[in-house]
Amino acid sequence: MEKNFSVAISYKDNLGYVEYDAAEKKINVFLNDEEGKQKTENFLSQVHIIAVPHETLLDFTEEKIDPTSDVESFQIVMTRLWEATGVHVDWSRPVEYVKLHPHY
């Protein structure tokens, strides 16, 4: 059984997190801001065309990435979340901290 992957997010003054359930291939957003939550859910429910790097800094190919297909795809799409929605992904903030302190 695959393990779930979670990453912290923030929108305005609210902290939350997004969890990828590998077994169900499902994404859950936990954020106490309805606008930010909706933006995140909408963005993550779509397949995205992303230029993915390969051997060098100049070697990219455009690939269709479905964030629900696997953890790596989820992580790649999450790198585009902030620019598209204004919802910040905080890769370094522990999710356990966010669960205890959902505000700045």
PDB file of N, CA and C in Angstrom:
ATOM      1  N   MET A   1       0.839  -1.190   0.000  1.00  0.00           N
ATOM      2  CA  MET A   1       0.000   0.000   0.000  1.00  0.00           C
ATOM      3  C   MET A   1       0.876   1.243   0.000  1.00  0.00           C
ATOM      4  N   GLU A   2       0.565   2.167  -0.884  1.00  0.00           N
ATOM      5  CA  GLU A   2       1.345   3.392  -0.986  1.00  0.00           C
ATOM      6  C   GLU A   2       0.947   4.366   0.125  1.00  0.00           C
ATOM      7  N   LYS A   3       1.919   5.177   0.524  1.00  0.00           N
ATOM      8  CA  LYS A   3       1.709   6.151   1.580  1.00  0.00           C
ATOM      9  C   LYS A   3       1.180   7.463   0.991  1.00  0.00           C
ATOM     10  N   ASN A   4       0.356   8.161   1.758  1.00  0.00           N
ATOM     11  CA  ASN A   4      -0.135   9.469   1.333  1.00  0.00           C
ATOM     12  C   ASN A   4       0.998  10.487   1.392  1.00  0.00           C
ATOM     13  N   PHE A   5       0.900  11.506   0.534  1.00  0.00           N
ATOM     14  CA  PHE A   5       1.873  12.592   0.513  1.00  0.00           C
ATOM     15  C   PHE A   5       1.125  13.882   0.814  1.00  0.00           C
ATOM     16  N   SER A   6       1.631  14.671   1.762  1.00  0.00           N
ATOM     17  CA  SER A   6       1.007  15.943   2.130  1.00  0.00           C
ATOM     18  C   SER A   6       2.020  17.068   2.023  1.00  0.00           C
ATOM     19  N   VAL A   7       1.522  18.244   1.657  1.00  0.00           N
ATOM     20  CA  VAL A   7       2.377  19.430   1.598  1.00  0.00           C
ATOM     21  C   VAL A   7       1.568  20.620   2.105  1.00  0.00           C
ATOM     22  N   ALA A   8       2.249  21.508   2.845  1.00  0.00           N
ATOM     23  CA  ALA A   8       1.598  22.683   3.423  1.00  0.00           C
ATOM     24  C   ALA A   8       1.323  23.733   2.344  1.00  0.00           C
ATOM     25  N   ILE A   9       0.212  24.462   2.526  1.00  0.00           N
ATOM     26  CA  ILE A   9      -0.136  25.578   1.655  1.00  0.00           C
ATOM     27  C   ILE A   9      -0.577  26.748   2.529  1.00  0.00           C
ATOM     28  N   SER A  10      -0.614  27.933   1.932  1.00  0.00           N
ATOM     29  CA  SER A  10      -1.169  29.088   2.646  1.00  0.00           C
ATOM     30  C   SER A  10      -1.866  29.992   1.641  1.00  0.00           C
ATOM     31  N   TYR A  11      -2.896  30.653   2.143  1.00  0.00           N
ATOM     32  CA  TYR A  11      -3.644  31.616   1.334  1.00  0.00           C
ATOM     33  C   TYR A  11      -4.146  32.697   2.269  1.00  0.00           C
ATOM     34  N   LYS A  12      -3.752  33.936   1.960  1.00  0.00           N
ATOM     35  CA  LYS A  12      -4.050  35.068   2.842  1.00  0.00           C
ATOM     36  C   LYS A  12      -3.483  34.753   4.224  1.00  0.00           C
ATOM     37  N   ASP A  13      -4.260  34.747   5.278  1.00  0.00           N
ATOM     38  CA  ASP A  13      -3.741  34.486   6.626  1.00  0.00           C
ATOM     39  C   ASP A  13      -3.987  33.059   7.094  1.00  0.00           C
ATOM     40  N   ASN A  14      -4.342  32.186   6.200  1.00  0.00           N
ATOM     41  CA  ASN A  14      -4.691  30.819   6.578  1.00  0.00           C
ATOM     42  C   ASN A  14      -3.652  29.817   6.099  1.00  0.00           C
ATOM     43  N   LEU A  15      -3.306  28.917   6.987  1.00  0.00           N
ATOM     44  CA  LEU A  15      -2.432  27.802   6.650  1.00  0.00           C
ATOM     45  C   LEU A  15      -3.285  26.554   6.460  1.00  0.00           C
ATOM     46  N   GLY A  16      -2.862  25.703   5.568  1.00  0.00           N
ATOM     47  CA  GLY A  16      -3.556  24.452   5.335  1.00  0.00           C
ATOM     48  C   GLY A  16      -2.619  23.471   4.676  1.00  0.00           C
ATOM     49  N   TYR A  17      -3.178  22.432   4.082  1.00  0.00           N
ATOM     50  CA  TYR A  17      -2.346  21.463   3.390  1.00  0.00           C
ATOM     51  C   TYR A  17      -3.167  20.734   2.332  1.00  0.00           C
ATOM     52  N   VAL A  18      -2.437  20.139   1.421  1.00  0.00           N
ATOM     53  CA  VAL A  18      -3.037  19.327   0.366  1.00  0.00           C
ATOM     54  C   VAL A  18      -2.467  17.930   0.534  1.00  0.00           C
ATOM     55  N   GLU A  19      -3.350  16.950   0.448  1.00  0.00           N
ATOM     56  CA  GLU A  19      -2.933  15.562   0.636  1.00  0.00           C
ATOM     57  C   GLU A  19      -3.271  14.754  -0.606  1.00  0.00           C
ATOM     58  N   TYR A  20      -2.281  14.003  -1.082  1.00  0.00           N
ATOM     59  CA  TYR A  20      -2.491  13.083  -2.209  1.00  0.00           C
ATOM     60  C   TYR A  20      -2.608  11.675  -1.642  1.00  0.00           C
ATOM     61  N   ASP A  21      -3.744  11.049  -1.868  1.00  0.00           N
ATOM     62  CA  ASP A  21      -3.999   9.684  -1.429  1.00  0.00           C
ATOM     63  C   ASP A  21      -3.624   8.757  -2.586  1.00  0.00           C
ATOM     64  N   ALA A  22      -2.475   8.105  -2.462  1.00  0.00           N
ATOM     65  CA  ALA A  22      -1.952   7.276  -3.550  1.00  0.00           C
ATOM     66  C   ALA A  22      -2.827   6.064  -3.843  1.00  0.00           C
ATOM     67  N   ALA A  23      -3.397   5.463  -2.818  1.00  0.00           N
ATOM     68  CA  ALA A  23      -4.232   4.274  -3.015  1.00  0.00           C
ATOM     69  C   ALA A  23      -5.507   4.604  -3.789  1.00  0.00           C
ATOM     70  N   GLU A  24      -6.116   5.740  -3.466  1.00  0.00           N
ATOM     71  CA  GLU A  24      -7.367   6.154  -4.115  1.00  0.00           C
ATOM     72  C   GLU A  24      -7.148   7.052  -5.333  1.00  0.00           C
ATOM     73  N   LYS A  25      -5.898   7.529  -5.506  1.00  0.00           N
ATOM     74  CA  LYS A  25      -5.576   8.504  -6.562  1.00  0.00           C
ATOM     75  C   LYS A  25      -6.511   9.713  -6.447  1.00  0.00           C
ATOM     76  N   LYS A  26      -6.547  10.245  -5.222  1.00  0.00           N
ATOM     77  CA  LYS A  26      -7.456  11.331  -4.897  1.00  0.00           C
ATOM     78  C   LYS A  26      -6.683  12.436  -4.181  1.00  0.00           C
ATOM     79  N   ILE A  27      -7.107  13.675  -4.416  1.00  0.00           N
ATOM     80  CA  ILE A  27      -6.481  14.834  -3.784  1.00  0.00           C
ATOM     81  C   ILE A  27      -7.495  15.491  -2.861  1.00  0.00           C
ATOM     82  N   ASN A  28      -7.069  15.773  -1.620  1.00  0.00           N
ATOM     83  CA  ASN A  28      -7.909  16.460  -0.646  1.00  0.00           C
ATOM     84  C   ASN A  28      -7.231  17.749  -0.222  1.00  0.00           C
ATOM     85  N   VAL A  29      -8.010  18.828  -0.173  1.00  0.00           N
ATOM     86  CA  VAL A  29      -7.493  20.137   0.214  1.00  0.00           C
ATOM     87  C   VAL A  29      -8.090  20.502   1.567  1.00  0.00           C
ATOM     88  N   PHE A  30      -7.225  20.861   2.506  1.00  0.00           N
ATOM     89  CA  PHE A  30      -7.633  21.267   3.842  1.00  0.00           C
ATOM     90  C   PHE A  30      -7.151  22.700   4.053  1.00  0.00           C
ATOM     91  N   LEU A  31      -8.080  23.654   3.960  1.00  0.00           N
ATOM     92  CA  LEU A  31      -7.748  25.077   4.086  1.00  0.00           C
ATOM     93  C   LEU A  31      -8.986  25.807   4.567  1.00  0.00           C
ATOM     94  N   ASN A  32      -8.829  26.620   5.608  1.00  0.00           N
ATOM     95  CA  ASN A  32      -9.966  27.349   6.185  1.00  0.00           C
ATOM     96  C   ASN A  32     -10.229  28.675   5.475  1.00  0.00           C
ATOM     97  N   ASP A  33     -10.086  28.688   4.179  1.00  0.00           N
ATOM     98  CA  ASP A  33     -10.430  29.834   3.344  1.00  0.00           C
ATOM     99  C   ASP A  33     -11.108  29.263   2.105  1.00  0.00           C
ATOM    100  N   GLU A  34     -12.375  29.494   1.962  1.00  0.00           N
ATOM    101  CA  GLU A  34     -13.155  28.864   0.889  1.00  0.00           C
ATOM    102  C   GLU A  34     -12.648  29.267  -0.492  1.00  0.00           C
ATOM    103  N   GLU A  35     -12.278  30.529  -0.668  1.00  0.00           N
ATOM    104  CA  GLU A  35     -11.769  30.973  -1.969  1.00  0.00           C
ATOM    105  C   GLU A  35     -10.476  30.237  -2.326  1.00  0.00           C
ATOM    106  N   GLY A  36      -9.521  30.190  -1.403  1.00  0.00           N
ATOM    107  CA  GLY A  36      -8.261  29.504  -1.642  1.00  0.00           C
ATOM    108  C   GLY A  36      -8.449  28.016  -1.845  1.00  0.00           C
ATOM    109  N   LYS A  37      -9.341  27.430  -1.059  1.00  0.00           N
ATOM    110  CA  LYS A  37      -9.621  25.999  -1.194  1.00  0.00           C
ATOM    111  C   LYS A  37     -10.202  25.701  -2.566  1.00  0.00           C
ATOM    112  N   GLN A  38     -11.159  26.515  -3.010  1.00  0.00           N
ATOM    113  CA  GLN A  38     -11.795  26.305  -4.312  1.00  0.00           C
ATOM    114  C   GLN A  38     -10.799  26.476  -5.453  1.00  0.00           C
ATOM    115  N   LYS A  39      -9.951  27.502  -5.367  1.00  0.00           N
ATOM    116  CA  LYS A  39      -8.929  27.709  -6.400  1.00  0.00           C
ATOM    117  C   LYS A  39      -8.002  26.499  -6.493  1.00  0.00           C
ATOM    118  N   THR A  40      -7.602  25.985  -5.343  1.00  0.00           N
ATOM    119  CA  THR A  40      -6.696  24.838  -5.306  1.00  0.00           C
ATOM    120  C   THR A  40      -7.370  23.597  -5.866  1.00  0.00           C
ATOM    121  N   GLU A  41      -8.591  23.320  -5.429  1.00  0.00           N
ATOM    122  CA  GLU A  41      -9.320  22.149  -5.931  1.00  0.00           C
ATOM    123  C   GLU A  41      -9.533  22.227  -7.438  1.00  0.00           C
ATOM    124  N   ASN A  42      -9.909  23.397  -7.936  1.00  0.00           N
ATOM    125  CA  ASN A  42     -10.130  23.564  -9.374  1.00  0.00           C
ATOM    126  C   ASN A  42      -8.846  23.321 -10.157  1.00  0.00           C
ATOM    127  N   PHE A  43      -7.743  23.903  -9.679  1.00  0.00           N
ATOM    128  CA  PHE A  43      -6.462  23.751 -10.370  1.00  0.00           C
ATOM    129  C   PHE A  43      -6.012  22.297 -10.391  1.00  0.00           C
ATOM    130  N   LEU A  44      -6.171  21.608  -9.266  1.00  0.00           N
ATOM    131  CA  LEU A  44      -5.694  20.230  -9.160  1.00  0.00           C
ATOM    132  C   LEU A  44      -6.639  19.212  -9.791  1.00  0.00           C
ATOM    133  N   SER A  45      -7.794  19.650 -10.251  1.00  0.00           N
ATOM    134  CA  SER A  45      -8.730  18.734 -10.907  1.00  0.00           C
ATOM    135  C   SER A  45      -8.511  18.701 -12.422  1.00  0.00           C
ATOM    136  N   GLN A  46      -7.525  19.461 -12.900  1.00  0.00           N
ATOM    137  CA  GLN A  46      -7.276  19.559 -14.332  1.00  0.00           C
ATOM    138  C   GLN A  46      -5.971  18.877 -14.728  1.00  0.00           C
ATOM    139  N   VAL A  47      -5.919  18.404 -15.951  1.00  0.00           N
ATOM    140  CA  VAL A  47      -4.669  17.935 -16.550  1.00  0.00           C
ATOM    141  C   VAL A  47      -3.948  19.172 -17.072  1.00  0.00           C
ATOM    142  N   HIS A  48      -2.636  19.253 -16.848  1.00  0.00           N
ATOM    143  CA  HIS A  48      -1.852  20.428 -17.242  1.00  0.00           C
ATOM    144  C   HIS A  48      -0.780  20.040 -18.250  1.00  0.00           C
ATOM    145  N   ILE A  49      -0.487  20.968 -19.165  1.00  0.00           N
ATOM    146  CA  ILE A  49       0.628  20.788 -20.095  1.00  0.00           C
ATOM    147  C   ILE A  49       1.789  21.577 -19.495  1.00  0.00           C
ATOM    148  N   ILE A  50       2.853  20.852 -19.126  1.00  0.00           N
ATOM    149  CA  ILE A  50       3.983  21.450 -18.418  1.00  0.00           C
ATOM    150  C   ILE A  50       5.269  21.103 -19.156  1.00  0.00           C
ATOM    151  N   ALA A  51       6.138  22.101 -19.313  1.00  0.00           N
ATOM    152  CA  ALA A  51       7.459  21.866 -19.896  1.00  0.00           C
ATOM    153  C   ALA A  51       8.334  21.217 -18.826  1.00  0.00           C
ATOM    154  N   VAL A  52       8.684  19.973 -19.044  1.00  0.00           N
ATOM    155  CA  VAL A  52       9.440  19.185 -18.070  1.00  0.00           C
ATOM    156  C   VAL A  52      10.907  19.120 -18.510  1.00  0.00           C
ATOM    157  N   PRO A  53      11.847  19.454 -17.593  1.00  0.00           N
ATOM    158  CA  PRO A  53      13.274  19.417 -17.951  1.00  0.00           C
ATOM    159  C   PRO A  53      13.808  17.990 -18.020  1.00  0.00           C
ATOM    160  N   HIS A  54      14.895  17.838 -18.791  1.00  0.00           N
ATOM    161  CA  HIS A  54      15.515  16.517 -18.934  1.00  0.00           C
ATOM    162  C   HIS A  54      17.012  16.614 -18.667  1.00  0.00           C
ATOM    163  N   GLU A  55      17.847  16.384 -19.675  1.00  0.00           N
ATOM    164  CA  GLU A  55      19.297  16.287 -19.490  1.00  0.00           C
ATOM    165  C   GLU A  55      19.985  17.617 -19.180  1.00  0.00           C
ATOM    166  N   THR A  56      19.556  18.709 -19.813  1.00  0.00           N
ATOM    167  CA  THR A  56      20.217  20.007 -19.620  1.00  0.00           C
ATOM    168  C   THR A  56      19.167  21.063 -19.308  1.00  0.00           C
ATOM    169  N   LEU A  57      19.628  22.268 -19.010  1.00  0.00           N
ATOM    170  CA  LEU A  57      18.712  23.379 -18.740  1.00  0.00           C
ATOM    171  C   LEU A  57      17.957  23.820 -19.991  1.00  0.00           C
ATOM    172  N   LEU A  58      18.391  23.381 -21.133  1.00  0.00           N
ATOM    173  CA  LEU A  58      17.731  23.739 -22.383  1.00  0.00           C
ATOM    174  C   LEU A  58      16.922  22.589 -22.975  1.00  0.00           C
ATOM    175  N   ASP A  59      16.898  21.459 -22.299  1.00  0.00           N
ATOM    176  CA  ASP A  59      16.244  20.261 -22.804  1.00  0.00           C
ATOM    177  C   ASP A  59      14.898  20.057 -22.103  1.00  0.00           C
ATOM    178  N   PHE A  60      13.841  20.598 -22.699  1.00  0.00           N
ATOM    179  CA  PHE A  60      12.493  20.494 -22.149  1.00  0.00           C
ATOM    180  C   PHE A  60      11.568  19.849 -23.180  1.00  0.00           C
ATOM    181  N   THR A  61      10.583  19.134 -22.684  1.00  0.00           N
ATOM    182  CA  THR A  61       9.500  18.669 -23.548  1.00  0.00           C
ATOM    183  C   THR A  61       8.184  18.955 -22.827  1.00  0.00           C
ATOM    184  N   GLU A  62       7.199  19.322 -23.606  1.00  0.00           N
ATOM    185  CA  GLU A  62       5.876  19.544 -23.020  1.00  0.00           C
ATOM    186  C   GLU A  62       5.200  18.200 -22.817  1.00  0.00           C
ATOM    187  N   GLU A  63       4.682  18.008 -21.602  1.00  0.00           N
ATOM    188  CA  GLU A  63       4.016  16.755 -21.268  1.00  0.00           C
ATOM    189  C   GLU A  63       2.682  17.044 -20.598  1.00  0.00           C
ATOM    190  N   LYS A  64       1.709  16.195 -20.860  1.00  0.00           N
ATOM    191  CA  LYS A  64       0.423  16.286 -20.166  1.00  0.00           C
ATOM    192  C   LYS A  64       0.606  15.621 -18.810  1.00  0.00           C
ATOM    193  N   ILE A  65       0.295  16.364 -17.746  1.00  0.00           N
ATOM    194  CA  ILE A  65       0.469  15.844 -16.391  1.00  0.00           C
ATOM    195  C   ILE A  65      -0.874  15.891 -15.668  1.00  0.00           C
ATOM    196  N   ASP A  66      -1.326  14.732 -15.248  1.00  0.00           N
ATOM    197  CA  ASP A  66      -2.541  14.612 -14.447  1.00  0.00           C
ATOM    198  C   ASP A  66      -2.111  14.493 -12.988  1.00  0.00           C
ATOM    199  N   PRO A  67      -2.435  15.490 -12.151  1.00  0.00           N
ATOM    200  CA  PRO A  67      -1.967  15.466 -10.763  1.00  0.00           C
ATOM    201  C   PRO A  67      -2.494  14.297  -9.944  1.00  0.00           C
ATOM    202  N   THR A  68      -3.533  13.629 -10.418  1.00  0.00           N
ATOM    203  CA  THR A  68      -4.076  12.498  -9.655  1.00  0.00           C
ATOM    204  C   THR A  68      -3.441  11.161 -10.049  1.00  0.00           C
ATOM    205  N   SER A  69      -2.579  11.138 -11.055  1.00  0.00           N
ATOM    206  CA  SER A  69      -2.065   9.855 -11.543  1.00  0.00           C
ATOM    207  C   SER A  69      -1.037   9.212 -10.614  1.00  0.00           C
ATOM    208  N   ASP A  70      -0.163  10.008  -9.991  1.00  0.00           N
ATOM    209  CA  ASP A  70       0.823   9.468  -9.053  1.00  0.00           C
ATOM    210  C   ASP A  70       1.444  10.618  -8.260  1.00  0.00           C
ATOM    211  N   VAL A  71       2.253  10.278  -7.270  1.00  0.00           N
ATOM    212  CA  VAL A  71       2.841  11.294  -6.381  1.00  0.00           C
ATOM    213  C   VAL A  71       3.736  12.253  -7.156  1.00  0.00           C
ATOM    214  N   GLU A  72       4.554  11.736  -8.049  1.00  0.00           N
ATOM    215  CA  GLU A  72       5.456  12.601  -8.813  1.00  0.00           C
ATOM    216  C   GLU A  72       4.675  13.607  -9.656  1.00  0.00           C
ATOM    217  N   SER A  73       3.619  13.175 -10.303  1.00  0.00           N
ATOM    218  CA  SER A  73       2.789  14.080 -11.105  1.00  0.00           C
ATOM    219  C   SER A  73       2.126  15.125 -10.214  1.00  0.00           C
ATOM    220  N   PHE A  74       1.630  14.701  -9.066  1.00  0.00           N
ATOM    221  CA  PHE A  74       1.041  15.625  -8.094  1.00  0.00           C
ATOM    222  C   PHE A  74       2.056  16.697  -7.707  1.00  0.00           C
ATOM    223  N   GLN A  75       3.280  16.284  -7.396  1.00  0.00           N
ATOM    224  CA  GLN A  75       4.317  17.228  -6.985  1.00  0.00           C
ATOM    225  C   GLN A  75       4.669  18.201  -8.109  1.00  0.00           C
ATOM    226  N   ILE A  76       4.757  17.711  -9.332  1.00  0.00           N
ATOM    227  CA  ILE A  76       5.074  18.590 -10.463  1.00  0.00           C
ATOM    228  C   ILE A  76       3.996  19.650 -10.635  1.00  0.00           C
ATOM    229  N   VAL A  77       2.738  19.250 -10.599  1.00  0.00           N
ATOM    230  CA  VAL A  77       1.645  20.223 -10.764  1.00  0.00           C
ATOM    231  C   VAL A  77       1.616  21.207  -9.592  1.00  0.00           C
ATOM    232  N   MET A  78       1.924  20.735  -8.388  1.00  0.00           N
ATOM    233  CA  MET A  78       1.943  21.636  -7.226  1.00  0.00           C
ATOM    234  C   MET A  78       2.974  22.759  -7.389  1.00  0.00           C
ATOM    235  N   THR A  79       4.037  22.535  -8.176  1.00  0.00           N
ATOM    236  CA  THR A  79       5.028  23.590  -8.386  1.00  0.00           C
ATOM    237  C   THR A  79       4.460  24.750  -9.202  1.00  0.00           C
ATOM    238  N   ARG A  80       3.314  24.545  -9.828  1.00  0.00           N
ATOM    239  CA  ARG A  80       2.680  25.598 -10.635  1.00  0.00           C
ATOM    240  C   ARG A  80       1.487  26.251  -9.933  1.00  0.00           C
ATOM    241  N   LEU A  81       1.139  25.778  -8.746  1.00  0.00           N
ATOM    242  CA  LEU A  81      -0.064  26.238  -8.049  1.00  0.00           C
ATOM    243  C   LEU A  81      -0.027  27.725  -7.728  1.00  0.00           C
ATOM    244  N   TRP A  82       1.061  28.203  -7.155  1.00  0.00           N
ATOM    245  CA  TRP A  82       1.123  29.599  -6.707  1.00  0.00           C
ATOM    246  C   TRP A  82       0.944  30.571  -7.869  1.00  0.00           C
ATOM    247  N   GLU A  83       1.665  30.337  -8.956  1.00  0.00           N
ATOM    248  CA  GLU A  83       1.583  31.257 -10.091  1.00  0.00           C
ATOM    249  C   GLU A  83       0.172  31.299 -10.681  1.00  0.00           C
ATOM    250  N   ALA A  84      -0.515  30.163 -10.692  1.00  0.00           N
ATOM    251  CA  ALA A  84      -1.842  30.086 -11.306  1.00  0.00           C
ATOM    252  C   ALA A  84      -2.964  30.566 -10.393  1.00  0.00           C
ATOM    253  N   THR A  85      -2.786  30.446  -9.071  1.00  0.00           N
ATOM    254  CA  THR A  85      -3.908  30.702  -8.162  1.00  0.00           C
ATOM    255  C   THR A  85      -3.624  31.697  -7.036  1.00  0.00           C
ATOM    256  N   GLY A  86      -2.358  31.956  -6.739  1.00  0.00           N
ATOM    257  CA  GLY A  86      -2.020  32.786  -5.586  1.00  0.00           C
ATOM    258  C   GLY A  86      -1.964  32.000  -4.282  1.00  0.00           C
ATOM    259  N   VAL A  87      -2.187  30.689  -4.359  1.00  0.00           N
ATOM    260  CA  VAL A  87      -2.075  29.821  -3.187  1.00  0.00           C
ATOM    261  C   VAL A  87      -0.619  29.370  -3.110  1.00  0.00           C
ATOM    262  N   HIS A  88       0.039  29.688  -1.997  1.00  0.00           N
ATOM    263  CA  HIS A  88       1.463  29.392  -1.829  1.00  0.00           C
ATOM    264  C   HIS A  88       1.673  27.971  -1.332  1.00  0.00           C
ATOM    265  N   VAL A  89       2.617  27.264  -1.945  1.00  0.00           N
ATOM    266  CA  VAL A  89       3.000  25.920  -1.495  1.00  0.00           C
ATOM    267  C   VAL A  89       4.255  26.085  -0.654  1.00  0.00           C
ATOM    268  N   ASP A  90       4.185  25.640   0.587  1.00  0.00           N
ATOM    269  CA  ASP A  90       5.315  25.769   1.508  1.00  0.00           C
ATOM    270  C   ASP A  90       5.925  24.395   1.741  1.00  0.00           C
ATOM    271  N   TRP A  91       6.817  24.018   0.854  1.00  0.00           N
ATOM    272  CA  TRP A  91       7.417  22.689   0.876  1.00  0.00           C
ATOM    273  C   TRP A  91       8.143  22.398   2.184  1.00  0.00           C
ATOM    274  N   SER A  92       8.663  23.438   2.843  1.00  0.00           N
ATOM    275  CA  SER A  92       9.483  23.216   4.040  1.00  0.00           C
ATOM    276  C   SER A  92       8.694  23.262   5.349  1.00  0.00           C
ATOM    277  N   ARG A  93       7.462  23.742   5.323  1.00  0.00           N
ATOM    278  CA  ARG A  93       6.680  23.813   6.562  1.00  0.00           C
ATOM    279  C   ARG A  93       6.091  22.435   6.887  1.00  0.00           C
ATOM    280  N   PRO A  94       6.335  21.933   8.087  1.00  0.00           N
ATOM    281  CA  PRO A  94       5.784  20.622   8.450  1.00  0.00           C
ATOM    282  C   PRO A  94       4.254  20.637   8.496  1.00  0.00           C
ATOM    283  N   VAL A  95       3.636  19.676   7.861  1.00  0.00           N
ATOM    284  CA  VAL A  95       2.171  19.589   7.823  1.00  0.00           C
ATOM    285  C   VAL A  95       1.611  19.390   9.231  1.00  0.00           C
ATOM    286  N   GLU A  96       2.315  18.669  10.075  1.00  0.00           N
ATOM    287  CA  GLU A  96       1.848  18.474  11.461  1.00  0.00           C
ATOM    288  C   GLU A  96       1.738  19.813  12.190  1.00  0.00           C
ATOM    289  N   TYR A  97       2.637  20.735  11.924  1.00  0.00           N
ATOM    290  CA  TYR A  97       2.571  22.071  12.509  1.00  0.00           C
ATOM    291  C   TYR A  97       1.320  22.799  12.023  1.00  0.00           C
ATOM    292  N   VAL A  98       1.050  22.698  10.731  1.00  0.00           N
ATOM    293  CA  VAL A  98      -0.112  23.369  10.126  1.00  0.00           C
ATOM    294  C   VAL A  98      -1.417  22.851  10.732  1.00  0.00           C
ATOM    295  N   LYS A  99      -1.471  21.561  10.981  1.00  0.00           N
ATOM    296  CA  LYS A  99      -2.684  20.985  11.590  1.00  0.00           C
ATOM    297  C   LYS A  99      -2.956  21.566  12.982  1.00  0.00           C
ATOM    298  N   LEU A 100      -1.897  21.886  13.711  1.00  0.00           N
ATOM    299  CA  LEU A 100      -2.034  22.455  15.058  1.00  0.00           C
ATOM    300  C   LEU A 100      -2.210  23.971  15.037  1.00  0.00           C
ATOM    301  N   HIS A 101      -1.667  24.642  14.014  1.00  0.00           N
ATOM    302  CA  HIS A 101      -1.685  26.108  13.947  1.00  0.00           C
ATOM    303  C   HIS A 101      -2.131  26.545  12.543  1.00  0.00           C
ATOM    304  N   PRO A 102      -3.438  26.593  12.270  1.00  0.00           N
ATOM    305  CA  PRO A 102      -3.920  26.888  10.932  1.00  0.00           C
ATOM    306  C   PRO A 102      -3.900  28.367  10.537  1.00  0.00           C
ATOM    307  N   HIS A 103      -3.322  29.230  11.380  1.00  0.00           N
ATOM    308  CA  HIS A 103      -3.211  30.668  11.051  1.00  0.00           C
ATOM    309  C   HIS A 103      -1.810  31.146  11.393  1.00  0.00           C
ATOM    310  N   TYR A 104      -1.406  32.240  10.756  1.00  0.00           N
ATOM    311  CA  TYR A 104      -0.108  32.861  11.078  1.00  0.00           C
ATOM    312  C   TYR A 104      -0.181  33.486  12.443  1.00  0.00           C
TER     313      TYR A 104
END
